[in-house]
Amino acid sequence: MTQPTANCDSPPNAEHECMEAFTTRTDLPPMATAIGHKLRRAQLLVFQDFHETFAPLKLRPTEFAVLTLISADPGQKQTEIAEQLGIKRANFVALMDCLENRGLAERRKGDIDRRSHSLHLTEKGKAFVGQMTRLWQQHETRMVKQLGGEENRDMLIQLLDRVLGMCDAATQTRHLERR
């Protein structure tokens, strides 16, 4: 790794020269343009708004996602939803336990394979998803406004899908290499 070459012992502009040596290095990107840094900061802000919005329902982002997927397509298997969300099986079981304990969702044994469970909302869960949806619309409206409108949201979604496609392909490649 190269070291800064500024002479930091000379008094007149010593601080300026030292700072310039560190900020003009070509091997490190400025944080303002570091994609990972910006994505993480944006995610933190979006999640902060999410947590504040959904605090009355005591709902976490992962629970939101699971309830949304069950509501959209009742009867999916636990493994299917866990895969869609990238959640390990053991972690998903604990998550479903929590949703069942709250009376929002239930597991039903499969007709053919009794070892598999299909997931369904309870009546209480259906009403809860209605409340959840109203709060989500408020949250989403704030985020779209922050982005400058629906067109910018759509562009961001397309760009993130492109990044996720890259990650998915890379993950698949690593998985195949391990076989």
N, C-alpha and C. Protein backbone atom coordinates (compact mmCIF):
# COMPACT_ATOMS: atom_id res chain seq x y z
N MET A 1 0.85 -1.16 0.00
CA MET A 1 0.00 0.00 0.00
C MET A 1 0.90 1.23 0.00
N THR A 2 0.58 2.21 -0.82
CA THR A 2 1.41 3.41 -0.89
C THR A 2 1.06 4.34 0.25
N GLN A 3 2.07 5.06 0.72
CA GLN A 3 1.90 6.01 1.80
C GLN A 3 1.82 7.42 1.22
N PRO A 4 1.14 8.35 1.93
CA PRO A 4 1.10 9.73 1.45
C PRO A 4 2.51 10.30 1.39
N THR A 5 2.72 11.16 0.40
CA THR A 5 4.07 11.71 0.21
C THR A 5 4.18 13.15 0.66
N ALA A 6 3.12 13.74 1.21
CA ALA A 6 3.18 15.12 1.65
C ALA A 6 4.13 15.27 2.82
N ASN A 7 4.82 16.38 2.85
CA ASN A 7 5.71 16.66 3.96
C ASN A 7 4.87 17.28 5.07
N CYS A 8 4.53 16.51 6.07
CA CYS A 8 3.62 16.96 7.12
C CYS A 8 4.35 17.66 8.25
N ASP A 9 5.67 17.83 8.14
CA ASP A 9 6.42 18.52 9.19
C ASP A 9 6.55 20.01 8.93
N SER A 10 6.26 20.46 7.72
CA SER A 10 6.41 21.88 7.42
C SER A 10 5.19 22.66 7.92
N PRO A 11 5.40 23.69 8.73
CA PRO A 11 4.32 24.38 9.41
C PRO A 11 3.32 25.15 8.54
N PRO A 12 3.69 25.87 7.47
CA PRO A 12 2.71 26.77 6.84
C PRO A 12 1.40 26.10 6.40
N ASN A 13 1.46 25.10 5.59
CA ASN A 13 0.25 24.44 5.09
C ASN A 13 0.27 22.95 5.44
N ALA A 14 0.84 22.62 6.56
CA ALA A 14 1.04 21.22 6.91
C ALA A 14 -0.28 20.46 6.96
N GLU A 15 -1.28 21.03 7.64
CA GLU A 15 -2.57 20.33 7.76
C GLU A 15 -3.21 20.15 6.38
N HIS A 16 -3.17 21.19 5.55
CA HIS A 16 -3.77 21.12 4.22
C HIS A 16 -3.07 20.06 3.36
N GLU A 17 -1.73 20.04 3.41
CA GLU A 17 -0.99 19.07 2.62
C GLU A 17 -1.25 17.65 3.08
N CYS A 18 -1.34 17.43 4.39
CA CYS A 18 -1.61 16.09 4.91
C CYS A 18 -3.00 15.63 4.47
N MET A 19 -3.98 16.49 4.60
CA MET A 19 -5.34 16.13 4.20
C MET A 19 -5.41 15.86 2.70
N GLU A 20 -4.72 16.68 1.91
CA GLU A 20 -4.72 16.50 0.46
C GLU A 20 -4.11 15.16 0.09
N ALA A 21 -3.06 14.77 0.80
CA ALA A 21 -2.41 13.49 0.52
C ALA A 21 -3.39 12.33 0.72
N PHE A 22 -4.25 12.42 1.72
CA PHE A 22 -5.19 11.34 1.98
C PHE A 22 -6.42 11.41 1.09
N THR A 23 -6.85 12.58 0.68
CA THR A 23 -8.07 12.68 -0.11
C THR A 23 -7.83 12.55 -1.60
N THR A 24 -6.60 12.64 -2.06
CA THR A 24 -6.34 12.54 -3.49
C THR A 24 -5.77 11.18 -3.86
N ARG A 25 -5.71 10.26 -2.92
CA ARG A 25 -5.22 8.92 -3.25
C ARG A 25 -6.14 8.30 -4.27
N THR A 26 -5.56 7.67 -5.25
CA THR A 26 -6.38 7.08 -6.31
C THR A 26 -6.86 5.68 -5.99
N ASP A 27 -6.30 5.05 -4.96
CA ASP A 27 -6.72 3.68 -4.67
C ASP A 27 -7.91 3.60 -3.71
N LEU A 28 -8.34 4.70 -3.13
CA LEU A 28 -9.50 4.71 -2.26
C LEU A 28 -10.56 5.66 -2.80
N PRO A 29 -11.80 5.19 -2.89
CA PRO A 29 -12.85 6.06 -3.42
C PRO A 29 -13.32 7.06 -2.37
N PRO A 30 -13.76 8.22 -2.79
CA PRO A 30 -14.37 9.12 -1.81
C PRO A 30 -15.67 8.47 -1.31
N MET A 31 -15.95 8.59 -0.04
CA MET A 31 -17.14 7.94 0.54
C MET A 31 -18.42 8.44 -0.14
N ALA A 32 -18.41 9.64 -0.67
CA ALA A 32 -19.59 10.19 -1.32
C ALA A 32 -19.99 9.39 -2.55
N THR A 33 -19.06 8.63 -3.11
CA THR A 33 -19.38 7.84 -4.31
C THR A 33 -19.25 6.34 -4.08
N ALA A 34 -19.05 5.92 -2.84
CA ALA A 34 -18.93 4.49 -2.53
C ALA A 34 -20.33 3.88 -2.48
N ILE A 35 -20.64 3.02 -3.43
CA ILE A 35 -21.99 2.46 -3.57
C ILE A 35 -22.45 1.75 -2.30
N GLY A 36 -21.61 0.89 -1.77
CA GLY A 36 -21.99 0.15 -0.57
C GLY A 36 -22.30 1.07 0.61
N HIS A 37 -21.50 2.10 0.76
CA HIS A 37 -21.71 3.06 1.84
C HIS A 37 -23.05 3.78 1.66
N LYS A 38 -23.32 4.23 0.46
CA LYS A 38 -24.57 4.95 0.19
C LYS A 38 -25.78 4.03 0.36
N LEU A 39 -25.68 2.80 -0.12
CA LEU A 39 -26.80 1.86 0.04
C LEU A 39 -27.08 1.60 1.52
N ARG A 40 -26.03 1.40 2.29
CA ARG A 40 -26.20 1.12 3.72
C ARG A 40 -26.82 2.31 4.44
N ARG A 41 -26.35 3.53 4.15
CA ARG A 41 -26.91 4.73 4.80
C ARG A 41 -28.38 4.89 4.42
N ALA A 42 -28.70 4.68 3.14
CA ALA A 42 -30.10 4.80 2.69
C ALA A 42 -30.96 3.73 3.37
N GLN A 43 -30.43 2.51 3.46
CA GLN A 43 -31.18 1.43 4.11
C GLN A 43 -31.47 1.77 5.55
N LEU A 44 -30.51 2.33 6.25
CA LEU A 44 -30.72 2.70 7.65
C LEU A 44 -31.82 3.74 7.80
N LEU A 45 -31.84 4.71 6.91
CA LEU A 45 -32.88 5.74 6.97
C LEU A 45 -34.26 5.17 6.64
N VAL A 46 -34.33 4.32 5.63
CA VAL A 46 -35.61 3.70 5.27
C VAL A 46 -36.10 2.82 6.41
N PHE A 47 -35.22 2.04 7.01
CA PHE A 47 -35.61 1.17 8.12
C PHE A 47 -36.01 1.98 9.35
N GLN A 48 -35.35 3.10 9.58
CA GLN A 48 -35.74 3.96 10.70
C GLN A 48 -37.17 4.44 10.51
N ASP A 49 -37.51 4.89 9.30
CA ASP A 49 -38.88 5.32 9.03
C ASP A 49 -39.84 4.14 9.15
N PHE A 50 -39.42 2.98 8.66
CA PHE A 50 -40.25 1.78 8.77
C PHE A 50 -40.55 1.48 10.24
N HIS A 51 -39.52 1.46 11.07
CA HIS A 51 -39.71 1.13 12.49
C HIS A 51 -40.63 2.13 13.18
N GLU A 52 -40.46 3.41 12.87
CA GLU A 52 -41.33 4.43 13.46
C GLU A 52 -42.77 4.27 12.98
N THR A 53 -42.94 3.97 11.71
CA THR A 53 -44.28 3.81 11.13
C THR A 53 -45.00 2.61 11.72
N PHE A 54 -44.28 1.49 11.84
CA PHE A 54 -44.91 0.24 12.26
C PHE A 54 -44.81 -0.03 13.77
N ALA A 55 -44.28 0.93 14.53
CA ALA A 55 -44.17 0.75 15.98
C ALA A 55 -45.52 0.43 16.64
N PRO A 56 -46.63 1.07 16.22
CA PRO A 56 -47.91 0.74 16.86
C PRO A 56 -48.32 -0.73 16.67
N LEU A 57 -47.86 -1.35 15.59
CA LEU A 57 -48.20 -2.76 15.33
C LEU A 57 -47.13 -3.71 15.86
N LYS A 58 -46.03 -3.15 16.37
CA LYS A 58 -44.91 -3.97 16.84
C LYS A 58 -44.48 -4.96 15.75
N LEU A 59 -44.23 -4.41 14.56
CA LEU A 59 -43.93 -5.22 13.39
C LEU A 59 -42.53 -4.92 12.88
N ARG A 60 -41.76 -5.98 12.67
CA ARG A 60 -40.41 -5.86 12.12
C ARG A 60 -40.46 -6.06 10.60
N PRO A 61 -39.43 -5.57 9.89
CA PRO A 61 -39.42 -5.69 8.43
C PRO A 61 -39.56 -7.13 7.92
N THR A 62 -38.90 -8.09 8.57
CA THR A 62 -38.99 -9.47 8.09
C THR A 62 -40.38 -10.04 8.30
N GLU A 63 -41.00 -9.70 9.42
CA GLU A 63 -42.38 -10.14 9.66
C GLU A 63 -43.32 -9.54 8.62
N PHE A 64 -43.09 -8.27 8.30
CA PHE A 64 -43.87 -7.60 7.25
C PHE A 64 -43.76 -8.39 5.94
N ALA A 65 -42.55 -8.75 5.57
CA ALA A 65 -42.32 -9.46 4.31
C ALA A 65 -43.02 -10.82 4.32
N VAL A 66 -42.92 -11.55 5.42
CA VAL A 66 -43.56 -12.88 5.50
C VAL A 66 -45.07 -12.75 5.40
N LEU A 67 -45.65 -11.82 6.15
CA LEU A 67 -47.10 -11.64 6.10
C LEU A 67 -47.56 -11.21 4.71
N THR A 68 -46.78 -10.37 4.06
CA THR A 68 -47.10 -9.93 2.70
C THR A 68 -47.11 -11.12 1.74
N LEU A 69 -46.10 -11.98 1.83
CA LEU A 69 -46.02 -13.14 0.93
C LEU A 69 -47.13 -14.16 1.21
N ILE A 70 -47.45 -14.37 2.47
CA ILE A 70 -48.54 -15.30 2.80
C ILE A 70 -49.86 -14.73 2.30
N SER A 71 -50.07 -13.44 2.50
CA SER A 71 -51.31 -12.80 2.07
C SER A 71 -51.47 -12.85 0.55
N ALA A 72 -50.37 -12.64 -0.15
CA ALA A 72 -50.41 -12.62 -1.62
C ALA A 72 -50.66 -14.00 -2.22
N ASP A 73 -50.18 -15.05 -1.54
CA ASP A 73 -50.31 -16.40 -2.08
C ASP A 73 -50.44 -17.40 -0.93
N PRO A 74 -51.64 -17.48 -0.32
CA PRO A 74 -51.82 -18.39 0.81
C PRO A 74 -51.54 -19.84 0.41
N GLY A 75 -50.99 -20.59 1.35
CA GLY A 75 -50.74 -22.00 1.11
C GLY A 75 -49.32 -22.32 0.68
N GLN A 76 -48.48 -21.29 0.53
CA GLN A 76 -47.09 -21.56 0.18
C GLN A 76 -46.43 -22.34 1.32
N LYS A 77 -45.44 -23.10 0.97
CA LYS A 77 -44.70 -23.88 1.95
C LYS A 77 -43.70 -22.97 2.67
N GLN A 78 -43.36 -23.37 3.89
CA GLN A 78 -42.37 -22.62 4.67
C GLN A 78 -41.07 -22.45 3.90
N THR A 79 -40.63 -23.54 3.28
CA THR A 79 -39.35 -23.49 2.57
C THR A 79 -39.40 -22.51 1.40
N GLU A 80 -40.55 -22.42 0.73
CA GLU A 80 -40.68 -21.50 -0.41
C GLU A 80 -40.54 -20.05 0.04
N ILE A 81 -41.23 -19.70 1.11
CA ILE A 81 -41.16 -18.32 1.58
C ILE A 81 -39.77 -18.02 2.13
N ALA A 82 -39.19 -18.95 2.86
CA ALA A 82 -37.84 -18.76 3.39
C ALA A 82 -36.85 -18.52 2.25
N GLU A 83 -36.96 -19.29 1.18
CA GLU A 83 -36.07 -19.11 0.03
C GLU A 83 -36.27 -17.75 -0.63
N GLN A 84 -37.53 -17.34 -0.81
CA GLN A 84 -37.81 -16.05 -1.43
C GLN A 84 -37.17 -14.90 -0.66
N LEU A 85 -37.11 -15.04 0.66
CA LEU A 85 -36.57 -13.97 1.50
C LEU A 85 -35.11 -14.17 1.87
N GLY A 86 -34.54 -15.31 1.49
CA GLY A 86 -33.15 -15.58 1.82
C GLY A 86 -32.93 -15.80 3.30
N ILE A 87 -33.89 -16.47 3.94
CA ILE A 87 -33.81 -16.73 5.38
C ILE A 87 -33.48 -18.20 5.59
N LYS A 88 -32.56 -18.48 6.50
CA LYS A 88 -32.23 -19.87 6.82
C LYS A 88 -33.45 -20.54 7.46
N ARG A 89 -33.55 -21.83 7.23
CA ARG A 89 -34.72 -22.58 7.70
C ARG A 89 -34.94 -22.44 9.21
N ALA A 90 -33.88 -22.61 9.99
CA ALA A 90 -34.01 -22.52 11.45
C ALA A 90 -34.51 -21.14 11.88
N ASN A 91 -34.01 -20.10 11.25
CA ASN A 91 -34.44 -18.74 11.57
C ASN A 91 -35.90 -18.52 11.17
N PHE A 92 -36.29 -19.13 10.05
CA PHE A 92 -37.66 -18.96 9.58
C PHE A 92 -38.65 -19.65 10.53
N VAL A 93 -38.27 -20.80 11.05
CA VAL A 93 -39.13 -21.51 12.00
C VAL A 93 -39.40 -20.62 13.21
N ALA A 94 -38.37 -19.99 13.74
CA ALA A 94 -38.54 -19.09 14.89
C ALA A 94 -39.42 -17.90 14.54
N LEU A 95 -39.26 -17.39 13.34
CA LEU A 95 -40.08 -16.27 12.87
C LEU A 95 -41.55 -16.67 12.79
N MET A 96 -41.82 -17.84 12.23
CA MET A 96 -43.20 -18.33 12.15
C MET A 96 -43.77 -18.62 13.52
N ASP A 97 -42.95 -19.11 14.43
CA ASP A 97 -43.41 -19.32 15.81
C ASP A 97 -43.93 -18.01 16.39
N CYS A 98 -43.21 -16.94 16.15
CA CYS A 98 -43.59 -15.62 16.65
C CYS A 98 -44.92 -15.17 16.04
N LEU A 99 -45.06 -15.34 14.73
CA LEU A 99 -46.30 -14.93 14.06
C LEU A 99 -47.48 -15.79 14.52
N GLU A 100 -47.24 -17.07 14.76
CA GLU A 100 -48.29 -17.94 15.29
C GLU A 100 -48.67 -17.55 16.71
N ASN A 101 -47.68 -17.25 17.54
CA ASN A 101 -47.95 -16.85 18.92
C ASN A 101 -48.77 -15.56 18.99
N ARG A 102 -48.59 -14.71 18.00
CA ARG A 102 -49.38 -13.47 17.95
C ARG A 102 -50.76 -13.70 17.34
N GLY A 103 -50.99 -14.91 16.83
CA GLY A 103 -52.29 -15.24 16.24
C GLY A 103 -52.50 -14.68 14.85
N LEU A 104 -51.40 -14.38 14.14
CA LEU A 104 -51.50 -13.76 12.82
C LEU A 104 -51.42 -14.76 11.67
N ALA A 105 -50.71 -15.84 11.87
CA ALA A 105 -50.53 -16.83 10.81
C ALA A 105 -50.54 -18.22 11.42
N GLU A 106 -50.74 -19.21 10.56
CA GLU A 106 -50.74 -20.59 11.04
C GLU A 106 -50.12 -21.50 10.00
N ARG A 107 -49.56 -22.59 10.51
CA ARG A 107 -49.02 -23.65 9.66
C ARG A 107 -50.08 -24.73 9.57
N ARG A 108 -50.23 -25.26 8.36
CA ARG A 108 -51.13 -26.40 8.17
C ARG A 108 -50.34 -27.51 7.52
N LYS A 109 -50.50 -28.72 8.03
CA LYS A 109 -49.79 -29.87 7.45
C LYS A 109 -50.31 -30.11 6.04
N GLY A 110 -49.39 -30.52 5.17
CA GLY A 110 -49.76 -30.81 3.79
C GLY A 110 -50.61 -32.06 3.69
N ASP A 111 -51.46 -32.12 2.68
CA ASP A 111 -52.31 -33.29 2.47
C ASP A 111 -51.50 -34.50 2.04
N ILE A 112 -50.53 -34.28 1.18
CA ILE A 112 -49.74 -35.38 0.63
C ILE A 112 -48.51 -35.62 1.49
N ASP A 113 -47.70 -34.58 1.66
CA ASP A 113 -46.49 -34.69 2.47
C ASP A 113 -46.76 -34.08 3.83
N ARG A 114 -46.99 -34.88 4.83
CA ARG A 114 -47.36 -34.41 6.16
C ARG A 114 -46.19 -33.71 6.87
N ARG A 115 -44.98 -33.84 6.31
CA ARG A 115 -43.83 -33.17 6.91
C ARG A 115 -43.76 -31.70 6.52
N SER A 116 -44.38 -31.34 5.41
CA SER A 116 -44.32 -29.96 4.96
C SER A 116 -45.53 -29.19 5.50
N HIS A 117 -45.33 -27.91 5.67
CA HIS A 117 -46.39 -27.06 6.19
C HIS A 117 -46.69 -25.94 5.20
N SER A 118 -47.99 -25.75 4.96
CA SER A 118 -48.40 -24.59 4.16
C SER A 118 -48.76 -23.48 5.14
N LEU A 119 -48.56 -22.25 4.70
CA LEU A 119 -48.75 -21.10 5.58
C LEU A 119 -49.99 -20.31 5.17
N HIS A 120 -50.74 -19.90 6.18
CA HIS A 120 -51.99 -19.18 5.96
C HIS A 120 -52.13 -18.09 7.02
N LEU A 121 -52.84 -17.03 6.67
CA LEU A 121 -53.19 -16.01 7.65
C LEU A 121 -54.41 -16.47 8.43
N THR A 122 -54.47 -16.10 9.68
CA THR A 122 -55.68 -16.32 10.47
C THR A 122 -56.63 -15.16 10.17
N GLU A 123 -57.83 -15.21 10.70
CA GLU A 123 -58.75 -14.08 10.54
C GLU A 123 -58.14 -12.83 11.16
N LYS A 124 -57.55 -12.99 12.34
CA LYS A 124 -56.87 -11.86 12.99
C LYS A 124 -55.73 -11.36 12.10
N GLY A 125 -55.02 -12.30 11.46
CA GLY A 125 -53.92 -11.94 10.56
C GLY A 125 -54.39 -11.15 9.36
N LYS A 126 -55.55 -11.52 8.81
CA LYS A 126 -56.10 -10.79 7.66
C LYS A 126 -56.43 -9.35 8.04
N ALA A 127 -57.03 -9.16 9.21
CA ALA A 127 -57.33 -7.80 9.68
C ALA A 127 -56.03 -7.03 9.93
N PHE A 128 -55.05 -7.72 10.49
CA PHE A 128 -53.75 -7.11 10.77
C PHE A 128 -53.08 -6.65 9.48
N VAL A 129 -53.14 -7.49 8.45
CA VAL A 129 -52.54 -7.14 7.15
C VAL A 129 -53.22 -5.90 6.57
N GLY A 130 -54.52 -5.75 6.82
CA GLY A 130 -55.21 -4.53 6.38
C GLY A 130 -54.62 -3.29 7.04
N GLN A 131 -54.41 -3.34 8.35
CA GLN A 131 -53.78 -2.23 9.07
C GLN A 131 -52.35 -2.02 8.58
N MET A 132 -51.64 -3.11 8.41
CA MET A 132 -50.26 -3.08 7.97
C MET A 132 -50.16 -2.40 6.60
N THR A 133 -51.09 -2.72 5.72
CA THR A 133 -51.07 -2.16 4.37
C THR A 133 -51.28 -0.65 4.40
N ARG A 134 -52.20 -0.18 5.24
CA ARG A 134 -52.43 1.27 5.34
C ARG A 134 -51.17 1.99 5.83
N LEU A 135 -50.52 1.43 6.83
CA LEU A 135 -49.28 2.05 7.32
C LEU A 135 -48.18 1.98 6.27
N TRP A 136 -48.09 0.86 5.56
CA TRP A 136 -47.07 0.72 4.53
C TRP A 136 -47.26 1.78 3.44
N GLN A 137 -48.52 2.06 3.08
CA GLN A 137 -48.77 3.08 2.06
C GLN A 137 -48.27 4.45 2.50
N GLN A 138 -48.43 4.77 3.78
CA GLN A 138 -47.91 6.04 4.30
C GLN A 138 -46.38 6.06 4.23
N HIS A 139 -45.78 4.98 4.66
CA HIS A 139 -44.32 4.84 4.62
C HIS A 139 -43.81 4.96 3.18
N GLU A 140 -44.43 4.22 2.29
CA GLU A 140 -44.00 4.21 0.89
C GLU A 140 -44.16 5.59 0.26
N THR A 141 -45.25 6.28 0.58
CA THR A 141 -45.48 7.62 0.05
C THR A 141 -44.36 8.57 0.46
N ARG A 142 -43.94 8.49 1.72
CA ARG A 142 -42.83 9.33 2.19
C ARG A 142 -41.54 9.00 1.43
N MET A 143 -41.28 7.72 1.22
CA MET A 143 -40.04 7.33 0.53
C MET A 143 -40.06 7.78 -0.93
N VAL A 144 -41.19 7.62 -1.60
CA VAL A 144 -41.30 8.04 -3.01
C VAL A 144 -41.14 9.55 -3.11
N LYS A 145 -41.73 10.28 -2.18
CA LYS A 145 -41.58 11.74 -2.17
C LYS A 145 -40.12 12.12 -1.99
N GLN A 146 -39.42 11.43 -1.08
CA GLN A 146 -38.00 11.70 -0.84
C GLN A 146 -37.17 11.45 -2.10
N LEU A 147 -37.57 10.46 -2.88
CA LEU A 147 -36.86 10.15 -4.12
C LEU A 147 -37.19 11.11 -5.26
N GLY A 148 -38.23 11.90 -5.08
CA GLY A 148 -38.59 12.86 -6.13
C GLY A 148 -39.68 12.36 -7.06
N GLY A 149 -40.39 11.32 -6.68
CA GLY A 149 -41.52 10.84 -7.48
C GLY A 149 -41.39 9.39 -7.91
N GLU A 150 -42.50 8.92 -8.50
CA GLU A 150 -42.60 7.52 -8.88
C GLU A 150 -41.61 7.13 -9.98
N GLU A 151 -41.34 8.04 -10.89
CA GLU A 151 -40.39 7.73 -11.96
C GLU A 151 -39.00 7.43 -11.39
N ASN A 152 -38.58 8.22 -10.42
CA ASN A 152 -37.28 7.98 -9.78
C ASN A 152 -37.30 6.69 -8.95
N ARG A 153 -38.44 6.41 -8.30
CA ARG A 153 -38.57 5.15 -7.56
C ARG A 153 -38.40 3.97 -8.51
N ASP A 154 -39.09 4.05 -9.66
CA ASP A 154 -39.02 2.96 -10.62
C ASP A 154 -37.59 2.78 -11.14
N MET A 155 -36.89 3.89 -11.35
CA MET A 155 -35.50 3.81 -11.81
C MET A 155 -34.63 3.17 -10.73
N LEU A 156 -34.83 3.57 -9.48
CA LEU A 156 -34.07 2.99 -8.38
C LEU A 156 -34.33 1.49 -8.28
N ILE A 157 -35.58 1.09 -8.39
CA ILE A 157 -35.93 -0.34 -8.33
C ILE A 157 -35.22 -1.10 -9.46
N GLN A 158 -35.22 -0.53 -10.66
CA GLN A 158 -34.54 -1.19 -11.79
C GLN A 158 -33.04 -1.34 -11.52
N LEU A 159 -32.43 -0.29 -10.99
CA LEU A 159 -31.00 -0.35 -10.70
C LEU A 159 -30.70 -1.37 -9.61
N LEU A 160 -31.53 -1.40 -8.57
CA LEU A 160 -31.33 -2.38 -7.49
C LEU A 160 -31.54 -3.80 -8.00
N ASP A 161 -32.53 -3.98 -8.88
CA ASP A 161 -32.75 -5.30 -9.48
C ASP A 161 -31.52 -5.73 -10.28
N ARG A 162 -30.89 -4.79 -10.93
CA ARG A 162 -29.68 -5.09 -11.70
C ARG A 162 -28.56 -5.54 -10.75
N VAL A 163 -28.39 -4.82 -9.65
CA VAL A 163 -27.38 -5.20 -8.66
C VAL A 163 -27.72 -6.57 -8.07
N LEU A 164 -28.99 -6.78 -7.72
CA LEU A 164 -29.40 -8.06 -7.14
C LEU A 164 -29.23 -9.20 -8.13
N GLY A 165 -29.45 -8.95 -9.39
CA GLY A 165 -29.23 -9.95 -10.42
C GLY A 165 -27.77 -10.36 -10.47
N MET A 166 -26.89 -9.36 -10.32
CA MET A 166 -25.46 -9.63 -10.28
C MET A 166 -25.14 -10.50 -9.07
N CYS A 167 -25.70 -10.14 -7.93
CA CYS A 167 -25.43 -10.90 -6.71
C CYS A 167 -25.98 -12.31 -6.83
N ASP A 168 -27.18 -12.45 -7.37
CA ASP A 168 -27.77 -13.77 -7.52
C ASP A 168 -26.91 -14.65 -8.42
N ALA A 169 -26.43 -14.09 -9.52
CA ALA A 169 -25.59 -14.86 -10.44
C ALA A 169 -24.28 -15.26 -9.75
N ALA A 170 -23.70 -14.32 -9.01
CA ALA A 170 -22.44 -14.61 -8.31
C ALA A 170 -22.67 -15.68 -7.24
N THR A 171 -23.78 -15.58 -6.52
CA THR A 171 -24.10 -16.58 -5.49
C THR A 171 -24.28 -17.95 -6.12
N GLN A 172 -24.98 -18.00 -7.24
CA GLN A 172 -25.19 -19.28 -7.92
C GLN A 172 -23.87 -19.86 -8.39
N THR A 173 -22.99 -19.03 -8.91
CA THR A 173 -21.69 -19.50 -9.37
C THR A 173 -20.89 -20.08 -8.21
N ARG A 174 -20.86 -19.36 -7.07
CA ARG A 174 -20.13 -19.87 -5.90
C ARG A 174 -20.72 -21.19 -5.43
N HIS A 175 -22.04 -21.30 -5.44
CA HIS A 175 -22.71 -22.53 -5.01
C HIS A 175 -22.32 -23.71 -5.91
N LEU A 176 -22.30 -23.47 -7.23
CA LEU A 176 -21.94 -24.53 -8.16
C LEU A 176 -20.48 -24.94 -8.01
N GLU A 177 -19.62 -23.97 -7.70
CA GLU A 177 -18.19 -24.26 -7.54
C GLU A 177 -17.93 -25.13 -6.32
N ARG A 178 -18.78 -25.03 -5.30
CA ARG A 178 -18.60 -25.81 -4.05
C ARG A 178 -18.99 -27.27 -4.24
N ARG A 179 -19.77 -27.59 -5.26
CA ARG A 179 -20.24 -28.99 -5.46
C ARG A 179 -19.13 -29.90 -5.85
